């Protein structure tokens, strides 16, 4: 994600954090985190979010993007692992986190 894209999202109250650590110790996941500070996505935020995310009730969205890989067991296992360890490290409920696997 380009630096000016981060500014675009922050104008609407969406905190974008690239390369988020999903565990208290390494390894660090190469994922993107979208986190909202509002109780729900606002209409302005929703207008800038893609399908599948704009209707999410979760306040933390983990996006694992595989540009050079096809969908495979390894990619799915990594995304599930990131989801699990992020929730554990941040002490979040299942409903507070949505993990998305994007294949490019």
Protein backbone atom coordinates (compact mmCIF):
# COMPACT_ATOMS: atom_id res chain seq x y z
CA UNK A 1 0.00 0.00 0.00
CA UNK A 2 1.39 3.40 -0.95
CA UNK A 3 2.14 5.98 1.72
CA UNK A 4 -0.48 8.42 0.37
CA UNK A 5 -3.06 5.61 0.48
CA UNK A 6 -2.44 5.37 4.23
CA UNK A 7 -3.21 9.08 4.50
CA UNK A 8 -6.38 8.54 2.47
CA UNK A 9 -7.66 5.96 4.96
CA UNK A 10 -6.56 7.94 8.04
CA UNK A 11 -8.69 10.89 6.89
CA UNK A 12 -11.71 8.66 7.48
CA UNK A 13 -10.67 7.35 10.89
CA UNK A 14 -9.19 4.06 9.64
CA UNK A 15 -5.82 3.23 11.18
CA UNK A 16 -3.62 1.39 8.63
CA UNK A 17 -0.66 -0.51 10.05
CA UNK A 18 1.56 -2.42 7.59
CA UNK A 19 3.79 -5.32 8.72
CA UNK A 20 1.91 -5.94 11.94
CA UNK A 21 3.39 -8.27 14.52
CA UNK A 22 0.73 -10.88 15.24
CA UNK A 23 2.59 -12.38 18.18
CA UNK A 24 4.43 -10.88 21.12
CA UNK A 25 7.69 -12.31 19.73
CA UNK A 26 8.96 -12.90 16.18
CA UNK A 27 8.19 -13.91 13.52
CA UNK A 28 6.53 -10.82 12.14
CA UNK A 29 3.81 -11.43 9.59
CA UNK A 30 3.86 -9.63 6.29
CA UNK A 31 0.24 -8.53 6.51
CA UNK A 32 -1.79 -5.37 6.63
CA UNK A 33 -4.02 -4.40 9.53
CA UNK A 34 -7.05 -2.16 9.20
CA UNK A 35 -8.40 -1.15 12.57
CA UNK A 36 -11.28 1.16 13.24
CA UNK A 37 -11.58 3.35 16.31
CA UNK A 38 -15.32 3.85 15.91
CA UNK A 39 -18.00 1.40 17.15
CA UNK A 40 -18.97 0.65 13.51
CA UNK A 41 -17.59 1.48 10.08
CA UNK A 42 -18.93 4.91 9.12
CA UNK A 43 -20.54 5.53 5.73
CA UNK A 44 -17.40 7.43 4.64
CA UNK A 45 -15.14 4.53 5.75
CA UNK A 46 -17.38 1.95 4.07
CA UNK A 47 -17.18 3.85 0.79
CA UNK A 48 -13.40 3.30 0.75
CA UNK A 49 -13.35 -0.35 1.82
CA UNK A 50 -13.67 -3.36 -0.51
CA UNK A 51 -16.50 -5.89 -0.58
CA UNK A 52 -16.22 -8.45 2.19
CA UNK A 53 -14.63 -5.91 4.53
CA UNK A 54 -17.06 -2.99 4.45
CA UNK A 55 -19.83 -5.13 5.96
CA UNK A 56 -17.62 -6.71 8.62
CA UNK A 57 -18.56 -6.21 12.26
CA UNK A 58 -14.92 -6.88 13.27
CA UNK A 59 -12.89 -3.89 14.46
CA UNK A 60 -9.58 -5.47 13.39
CA UNK A 61 -9.14 -6.68 9.80
CA UNK A 62 -5.99 -8.69 9.00
CA UNK A 63 -5.23 -8.84 5.27
CA UNK A 64 -2.70 -11.39 4.03
CA UNK A 65 -1.86 -10.66 0.39
CA UNK A 66 -0.11 -13.27 -1.74
CA UNK A 67 0.85 -11.54 -4.99
CA UNK A 68 3.05 -14.28 -6.39
CA UNK A 69 1.35 -17.36 -4.95
CA UNK A 70 -1.72 -19.31 -5.88
CA UNK A 71 -4.23 -20.32 -3.27
CA UNK A 72 -2.67 -23.30 -1.52
CA UNK A 73 -2.52 -25.04 1.84
CA UNK A 74 0.53 -23.04 2.98
CA UNK A 75 -1.14 -19.67 2.30
CA UNK A 76 -4.30 -20.75 4.10
CA UNK A 77 -2.37 -22.17 7.06
CA UNK A 78 -0.37 -18.94 7.41
CA UNK A 79 -3.53 -16.79 7.39
CA UNK A 80 -5.21 -19.02 9.99
CA UNK A 81 -2.05 -18.90 12.13
CA UNK A 82 -1.84 -15.11 11.91
CA UNK A 83 -5.49 -14.88 12.89
CA UNK A 84 -5.02 -17.13 15.92
CA UNK A 85 -1.79 -15.56 17.19
CA UNK A 86 -2.99 -11.99 16.66
CA UNK A 87 -6.12 -12.65 18.73
CA UNK A 88 -4.06 -14.31 21.45
CA UNK A 89 -1.44 -11.53 21.58
CA UNK A 90 -4.02 -8.73 21.64
CA UNK A 91 -6.51 -10.63 23.84
CA UNK A 92 -9.31 -10.17 21.30
CA UNK A 93 -12.49 -12.13 20.83
CA UNK A 94 -13.19 -14.12 17.67
CA UNK A 95 -15.81 -11.55 16.66
CA UNK A 96 -13.33 -8.65 16.91
CA UNK A 97 -11.00 -9.94 14.18
CA UNK A 98 -11.61 -10.86 10.55
CA UNK A 99 -8.77 -12.31 8.51
CA UNK A 100 -8.81 -12.03 4.74
CA UNK A 101 -6.54 -13.93 2.34
CA UNK A 102 -6.11 -12.14 -1.00
CA UNK A 103 -4.45 -13.90 -3.90
CA UNK A 104 -3.10 -11.59 -6.64
